[in-house]
All heavy atoms as atom14 arrays in JSON, in Angstrom:
{
  "sequence": "ASDTGKGDDALQIVANPVAATAALSPTPAAPP",
  "atom14_mask": [
    [1, 1, 1, 1, 1, 0, 0, 0, 0, 0, 0, 0, 0, 0],
    [1, 1, 1, 1, 1, 1, 0, 0, 0, 0, 0, 0, 0, 0],
    [1, 1, 1, 1, 1, 1, 1, 1, 0, 0, 0, 0, 0, 0],
    [1, 1, 1, 1, 1, 1, 1, 0, 0, 0, 0, 0, 0, 0],
    [1, 1, 1, 1, 0, 0, 0, 0, 0, 0, 0, 0, 0, 0],
    [1, 1, 1, 1, 1, 1, 1, 1, 1, 0, 0, 0, 0, 0],
    [1, 1, 1, 1, 0, 0, 0, 0, 0, 0, 0, 0, 0, 0],
    [1, 1, 1, 1, 1, 1, 1, 1, 0, 0, 0, 0, 0, 0],
    [1, 1, 1, 1, 1, 1, 1, 1, 0, 0, 0, 0, 0, 0],
    [1, 1, 1, 1, 1, 0, 0, 0, 0, 0, 0, 0, 0, 0],
    [1, 1, 1, 1, 1, 1, 1, 1, 0, 0, 0, 0, 0, 0],
    [1, 1, 1, 1, 1, 1, 1, 1, 1, 0, 0, 0, 0, 0],
    [1, 1, 1, 1, 1, 1, 1, 1, 0, 0, 0, 0, 0, 0],
    [1, 1, 1, 1, 1, 1, 1, 0, 0, 0, 0, 0, 0, 0],
    [1, 1, 1, 1, 1, 0, 0, 0, 0, 0, 0, 0, 0, 0],
    [1, 1, 1, 1, 1, 1, 1, 1, 0, 0, 0, 0, 0, 0],
    [1, 1, 1, 1, 1, 1, 1, 0, 0, 0, 0, 0, 0, 0],
    [1, 1, 1, 1, 1, 1, 1, 0, 0, 0, 0, 0, 0, 0],
    [1, 1, 1, 1, 1, 0, 0, 0, 0, 0, 0, 0, 0, 0],
    [1, 1, 1, 1, 1, 0, 0, 0, 0, 0, 0, 0, 0, 0],
    [1, 1, 1, 1, 1, 1, 1, 0, 0, 0, 0, 0, 0, 0],
    [1, 1, 1, 1, 1, 0, 0, 0, 0, 0, 0, 0, 0, 0],
    [1, 1, 1, 1, 1, 0, 0, 0, 0, 0, 0, 0, 0, 0],
    [1, 1, 1, 1, 1, 1, 1, 1, 0, 0, 0, 0, 0, 0],
    [1, 1, 1, 1, 1, 1, 0, 0, 0, 0, 0, 0, 0, 0],
    [1, 1, 1, 1, 1, 1, 1, 0, 0, 0, 0, 0, 0, 0],
    [1, 1, 1, 1, 1, 1, 1, 0, 0, 0, 0, 0, 0, 0],
    [1, 1, 1, 1, 1, 1, 1, 0, 0, 0, 0, 0, 0, 0],
    [1, 1, 1, 1, 1, 0, 0, 0, 0, 0, 0, 0, 0, 0],
    [1, 1, 1, 1, 1, 0, 0, 0, 0, 0, 0, 0, 0, 0],
    [1, 1, 1, 1, 1, 1, 1, 0, 0, 0, 0, 0, 0, 0],
    [1, 1, 1, 1, 1, 1, 1, 0, 0, 0, 0, 0, 0, 0]
  ],
  "atom14_positions": [
    [[-81.92, 1.35, -5.35], [-81.96, 1.81, -4.0], [-81.57, 3.23, -3.91], [-80.99, 3.83, -4.85], [-81.0, 0.98, -3.1], [0.0, 0.0, 0.0], [0.0, 0.0, 0.0], [0.0, 0.0, 0.0], [0.0, 0.0, 0.0], [0.0, 0.0, 0.0], [0.0, 0.0, 0.0], [0.0, 0.0, 0.0], [0.0, 0.0, 0.0], [0.0, 0.0, 0.0]],
    [[-81.87, 3.87, -2.78], [-81.56, 5.28, -2.61], [-80.14, 5.62, -2.99], [-79.24, 4.99, -2.55], [-81.86, 5.72, -1.16], [-81.32, 7.0, -0.92], [0.0, 0.0, 0.0], [0.0, 0.0, 0.0], [0.0, 0.0, 0.0], [0.0, 0.0, 0.0], [0.0, 0.0, 0.0], [0.0, 0.0, 0.0], [0.0, 0.0, 0.0], [0.0, 0.0, 0.0]],
    [[-79.92, 6.63, -3.83], [-78.56, 7.05, -4.2], [-78.16, 8.29, -3.42], [-77.24, 9.02, -3.79], [-78.42, 7.27, -5.71], [-79.34, 8.35, -6.25], [-80.04, 8.99, -5.42], [-79.39, 8.51, -7.49], [0.0, 0.0, 0.0], [0.0, 0.0, 0.0], [0.0, 0.0, 0.0], [0.0, 0.0, 0.0], [0.0, 0.0, 0.0], [0.0, 0.0, 0.0]],
    [[-78.84, 8.55, -2.31], [-78.53, 9.73, -1.5], [-77.76, 9.35, -0.29], [-77.3, 10.21, 0.46], [-79.81, 10.44, -1.04], [-80.53, 9.55, -0.19], [-80.68, 10.86, -2.23], [0.0, 0.0, 0.0], [0.0, 0.0, 0.0], [0.0, 0.0, 0.0], [0.0, 0.0, 0.0], [0.0, 0.0, 0.0], [0.0, 0.0, 0.0], [0.0, 0.0, 0.0]],
    [[-77.5, 8.04, -0.05], [-76.8, 7.59, 1.1], [-77.67, 7.53, 2.34], [-77.21, 7.28, 3.45], [0.0, 0.0, 0.0], [0.0, 0.0, 0.0], [0.0, 0.0, 0.0], [0.0, 0.0, 0.0], [0.0, 0.0, 0.0], [0.0, 0.0, 0.0], [0.0, 0.0, 0.0], [0.0, 0.0, 0.0], [0.0, 0.0, 0.0], [0.0, 0.0, 0.0]],
    [[-78.99, 7.68, 2.2], [-79.92, 7.62, 3.31], [-80.86, 6.44, 3.13], [-81.01, 5.89, 2.07], [-80.69, 8.91, 3.42], [-79.79, 10.16, 3.62], [-80.63, 11.41, 3.65], [-79.77, 12.64, 3.79], [-80.54, 13.89, 3.81], [0.0, 0.0, 0.0], [0.0, 0.0, 0.0], [0.0, 0.0, 0.0], [0.0, 0.0, 0.0], [0.0, 0.0, 0.0]],
    [[-81.53, 6.09, 4.2], [-82.52, 5.04, 4.1], [-81.92, 3.65, 4.28], [-80.79, 3.43, 4.68], [0.0, 0.0, 0.0], [0.0, 0.0, 0.0], [0.0, 0.0, 0.0], [0.0, 0.0, 0.0], [0.0, 0.0, 0.0], [0.0, 0.0, 0.0], [0.0, 0.0, 0.0], [0.0, 0.0, 0.0], [0.0, 0.0, 0.0], [0.0, 0.0, 0.0]],
    [[-82.74, 2.64, 3.91], [-82.36, 1.23, 4.07], [-81.5, 0.81, 2.89], [-82.0, 0.43, 1.84], [-83.61, 0.39, 4.15], [-83.31, -1.05, 4.45], [-82.14, -1.36, 4.79], [-84.2, -1.91, 4.29], [0.0, 0.0, 0.0], [0.0, 0.0, 0.0], [0.0, 0.0, 0.0], [0.0, 0.0, 0.0], [0.0, 0.0, 0.0], [0.0, 0.0, 0.0]],
    [[-80.18, 0.89, 3.04], [-79.26, 0.63, 1.93], [-78.15, -0.24, 2.47], [-77.26, 0.2, 3.2], [-78.72, 1.95, 1.39], [-77.81, 1.76, 0.19], [-77.45, 0.58, -0.11], [-77.42, 2.76, -0.42], [0.0, 0.0, 0.0], [0.0, 0.0, 0.0], [0.0, 0.0, 0.0], [0.0, 0.0, 0.0], [0.0, 0.0, 0.0], [0.0, 0.0, 0.0]],
    [[-78.15, -1.53, 2.11], [-77.23, -2.5, 2.66], [-75.77, -2.23, 2.18], [-74.85, -2.73, 2.78], [-77.62, -3.91, 2.3], [0.0, 0.0, 0.0], [0.0, 0.0, 0.0], [0.0, 0.0, 0.0], [0.0, 0.0, 0.0], [0.0, 0.0, 0.0], [0.0, 0.0, 0.0], [0.0, 0.0, 0.0], [0.0, 0.0, 0.0], [0.0, 0.0, 0.0]],
    [[-75.62, -1.45, 1.12], [-74.28, -1.16, 0.65], [-73.68, 0.07, 1.27], [-72.48, 0.34, 1.13], [-74.27, -0.98, -0.89], [-74.56, -2.21, -1.73], [-74.38, -1.89, -3.22], [-73.7, -3.39, -1.34], [0.0, 0.0, 0.0], [0.0, 0.0, 0.0], [0.0, 0.0, 0.0], [0.0, 0.0, 0.0], [0.0, 0.0, 0.0], [0.0, 0.0, 0.0]],
    [[-74.48, 0.85, 1.94], [-74.0, 2.09, 2.57], [-73.26, 1.78, 3.86], [-73.8, 1.07, 4.74], [-75.17, 3.0, 2.89], [-74.76, 4.35, 3.47], [-73.89, 5.15, 2.59], [-74.06, 5.15, 1.39], [-72.91, 5.82, 3.16], [0.0, 0.0, 0.0], [0.0, 0.0, 0.0], [0.0, 0.0, 0.0], [0.0, 0.0, 0.0], [0.0, 0.0, 0.0]],
    [[-72.02, 2.29, 3.98], [-71.2, 1.99, 5.16], [-71.31, 3.11, 6.2], [-71.51, 2.86, 7.36], [-69.75, 1.77, 4.75], [-69.62, 0.58, 3.81], [-68.86, 1.56, 5.96], [-68.22, 0.35, 3.27], [0.0, 0.0, 0.0], [0.0, 0.0, 0.0], [0.0, 0.0, 0.0], [0.0, 0.0, 0.0], [0.0, 0.0, 0.0], [0.0, 0.0, 0.0]],
    [[-71.14, 4.37, 5.73], [-71.19, 5.5, 6.63], [-72.11, 6.54, 6.0], [-72.4, 6.5, 4.82], [-69.78, 6.1, 6.86], [-68.92, 5.11, 7.62], [-69.14, 6.53, 5.59], [0.0, 0.0, 0.0], [0.0, 0.0, 0.0], [0.0, 0.0, 0.0], [0.0, 0.0, 0.0], [0.0, 0.0, 0.0], [0.0, 0.0, 0.0], [0.0, 0.0, 0.0]],
    [[-72.5, 7.49, 6.82], [-73.41, 8.51, 6.28], [-72.82, 9.4, 5.21], [-73.48, 9.79, 4.28], [-73.92, 9.37, 7.46], [0.0, 0.0, 0.0], [0.0, 0.0, 0.0], [0.0, 0.0, 0.0], [0.0, 0.0, 0.0], [0.0, 0.0, 0.0], [0.0, 0.0, 0.0], [0.0, 0.0, 0.0], [0.0, 0.0, 0.0], [0.0, 0.0, 0.0]],
    [[-71.52, 9.72, 5.38], [-70.87, 10.58, 4.43], [-69.59, 9.91, 3.93], [-68.52, 10.1, 4.43], [-70.5, 11.93, 5.09], [-71.71, 12.68, 5.55], [-72.53, 13.07, 4.75], [-71.86, 12.84, 6.87], [0.0, 0.0, 0.0], [0.0, 0.0, 0.0], [0.0, 0.0, 0.0], [0.0, 0.0, 0.0], [0.0, 0.0, 0.0], [0.0, 0.0, 0.0]],
    [[-69.75, 9.03, 2.91], [-68.59, 8.23, 2.47], [-67.51, 9.06, 1.82], [-67.77, 10.06, 1.18], [-69.23, 7.26, 1.44], [-70.46, 7.99, 0.98], [-70.97, 8.76, 2.16], [0.0, 0.0, 0.0], [0.0, 0.0, 0.0], [0.0, 0.0, 0.0], [0.0, 0.0, 0.0], [0.0, 0.0, 0.0], [0.0, 0.0, 0.0], [0.0, 0.0, 0.0]],
    [[-66.3, 8.6, 2.03], [-65.09, 9.19, 1.4], [-64.34, 8.07, 0.7], [-64.1, 7.03, 1.26], [-64.21, 9.89, 2.46], [-62.92, 10.41, 1.84], [-64.96, 11.0, 3.19], [0.0, 0.0, 0.0], [0.0, 0.0, 0.0], [0.0, 0.0, 0.0], [0.0, 0.0, 0.0], [0.0, 0.0, 0.0], [0.0, 0.0, 0.0], [0.0, 0.0, 0.0]],
    [[-63.92, 8.32, -0.56], [-63.24, 7.28, -1.32], [-61.92, 6.96, -0.67], [-61.17, 7.86, -0.23], [-63.06, 7.75, -2.74], [0.0, 0.0, 0.0], [0.0, 0.0, 0.0], [0.0, 0.0, 0.0], [0.0, 0.0, 0.0], [0.0, 0.0, 0.0], [0.0, 0.0, 0.0], [0.0, 0.0, 0.0], [0.0, 0.0, 0.0], [0.0, 0.0, 0.0]],
    [[-61.55, 5.7, -0.61], [-60.25, 5.29, -0.12], [-59.16, 5.68, -1.07], [-59.4, 5.76, -2.29], [-60.24, 3.76, 0.1], [0.0, 0.0, 0.0], [0.0, 0.0, 0.0], [0.0, 0.0, 0.0], [0.0, 0.0, 0.0], [0.0, 0.0, 0.0], [0.0, 0.0, 0.0], [0.0, 0.0, 0.0], [0.0, 0.0, 0.0], [0.0, 0.0, 0.0]],
    [[-57.97, 5.93, -0.56], [-56.82, 6.25, -1.39], [-55.64, 5.4, -0.94], [-55.72, 4.63, 0.02], [-56.44, 7.76, -1.2], [-56.23, 8.04, 0.19], [-57.57, 8.63, -1.72], [0.0, 0.0, 0.0], [0.0, 0.0, 0.0], [0.0, 0.0, 0.0], [0.0, 0.0, 0.0], [0.0, 0.0, 0.0], [0.0, 0.0, 0.0], [0.0, 0.0, 0.0]],
    [[-54.51, 5.56, -1.67], [-53.34, 4.74, -1.33], [-52.77, 5.21, 0.0], [-52.67, 6.41, 0.31], [-52.28, 4.92, -2.42], [0.0, 0.0, 0.0], [0.0, 0.0, 0.0], [0.0, 0.0, 0.0], [0.0, 0.0, 0.0], [0.0, 0.0, 0.0], [0.0, 0.0, 0.0], [0.0, 0.0, 0.0], [0.0, 0.0, 0.0], [0.0, 0.0, 0.0]],
    [[-52.36, 4.24, 0.8], [-51.64, 4.55, 2.04], [-50.32, 5.25, 1.74], [-49.66, 4.89, 0.77], [-51.4, 3.29, 2.85], [0.0, 0.0, 0.0], [0.0, 0.0, 0.0], [0.0, 0.0, 0.0], [0.0, 0.0, 0.0], [0.0, 0.0, 0.0], [0.0, 0.0, 0.0], [0.0, 0.0, 0.0], [0.0, 0.0, 0.0], [0.0, 0.0, 0.0]],
    [[-49.95, 6.2, 2.55], [-48.69, 6.93, 2.34], [-47.54, 5.98, 2.64], [-47.55, 5.24, 3.59], [-48.61, 8.16, 3.2], [-49.59, 9.3, 2.87], [-49.43, 10.46, 3.84], [-49.43, 9.77, 1.43], [0.0, 0.0, 0.0], [0.0, 0.0, 0.0], [0.0, 0.0, 0.0], [0.0, 0.0, 0.0], [0.0, 0.0, 0.0], [0.0, 0.0, 0.0]],
    [[-46.51, 6.07, 1.79], [-45.37, 5.18, 1.94], [-44.32, 5.76, 2.9], [-44.05, 6.98, 2.82], [-44.7, 4.9, 0.6], [-45.52, 4.22, -0.28], [0.0, 0.0, 0.0], [0.0, 0.0, 0.0], [0.0, 0.0, 0.0], [0.0, 0.0, 0.0], [0.0, 0.0, 0.0], [0.0, 0.0, 0.0], [0.0, 0.0, 0.0], [0.0, 0.0, 0.0]],
    [[-43.68, 4.93, 3.7], [-42.6, 5.41, 4.49], [-41.3, 5.46, 3.65], [-41.32, 5.05, 2.5], [-42.48, 4.3, 5.57], [-42.91, 3.08, 4.86], [-44.01, 3.52, 3.92], [0.0, 0.0, 0.0], [0.0, 0.0, 0.0], [0.0, 0.0, 0.0], [0.0, 0.0, 0.0], [0.0, 0.0, 0.0], [0.0, 0.0, 0.0], [0.0, 0.0, 0.0]],
    [[-40.22, 5.91, 4.21], [-38.95, 5.85, 3.56], [-38.62, 4.38, 3.31], [-38.74, 3.55, 4.25], [-37.82, 6.49, 4.39], [-38.15, 7.84, 4.65], [-36.47, 6.37, 3.7], [0.0, 0.0, 0.0], [0.0, 0.0, 0.0], [0.0, 0.0, 0.0], [0.0, 0.0, 0.0], [0.0, 0.0, 0.0], [0.0, 0.0, 0.0], [0.0, 0.0, 0.0]],
    [[-38.25, 3.97, 2.08], [-37.98, 2.57, 1.84], [-36.95, 1.96, 2.77], [-35.9, 2.56, 3.05], [-37.46, 2.57, 0.36], [-38.07, 3.78, -0.22], [-38.09, 4.8, 0.87], [0.0, 0.0, 0.0], [0.0, 0.0, 0.0], [0.0, 0.0, 0.0], [0.0, 0.0, 0.0], [0.0, 0.0, 0.0], [0.0, 0.0, 0.0], [0.0, 0.0, 0.0]],
    [[-37.24, 0.78, 3.24], [-36.31, 0.08, 4.15], [-35.3, -0.76, 3.4], [-34.3, -1.21, 4.0], [-37.14, -0.81, 5.08], [0.0, 0.0, 0.0], [0.0, 0.0, 0.0], [0.0, 0.0, 0.0], [0.0, 0.0, 0.0], [0.0, 0.0, 0.0], [0.0, 0.0, 0.0], [0.0, 0.0, 0.0], [0.0, 0.0, 0.0], [0.0, 0.0, 0.0]],
    [[-35.53, -0.98, 2.1], [-34.62, -1.82, 1.3], [-34.53, -1.19, -0.08], [-35.49, -0.55, -0.58], [-35.13, -3.21, 1.23], [0.0, 0.0, 0.0], [0.0, 0.0, 0.0], [0.0, 0.0, 0.0], [0.0, 0.0, 0.0], [0.0, 0.0, 0.0], [0.0, 0.0, 0.0], [0.0, 0.0, 0.0], [0.0, 0.0, 0.0], [0.0, 0.0, 0.0]],
    [[-33.43, -1.36, -0.8], [-33.34, -0.83, -2.17], [-34.29, -1.6, -3.05], [-34.58, -2.79, -2.87], [-31.91, -1.15, -2.57], [-31.43, -2.25, -1.65], [-32.21, -2.04, -0.36], [0.0, 0.0, 0.0], [0.0, 0.0, 0.0], [0.0, 0.0, 0.0], [0.0, 0.0, 0.0], [0.0, 0.0, 0.0], [0.0, 0.0, 0.0], [0.0, 0.0, 0.0]],
    [[-34.86, -0.9, -4.05], [-35.83, -1.59, -4.93], [-35.18, -2.71, -5.75], [-34.03, -2.6, -6.16], [-36.32, -0.45, -5.87], [-35.27, 0.6, -5.8], [-34.67, 0.51, -4.41], [0.0, 0.0, 0.0], [0.0, 0.0, 0.0], [0.0, 0.0, 0.0], [0.0, 0.0, 0.0], [0.0, 0.0, 0.0], [0.0, 0.0, 0.0], [0.0, 0.0, 0.0]]
  ]
}
């Protein structure tokens, strides 16, 4: 299928995909 992110592509979610990353952690609420 198209590897440009255009056209009929059932795996394409958005027009300009951005890779997911880890959510930023808050200050720990409990000691490790």
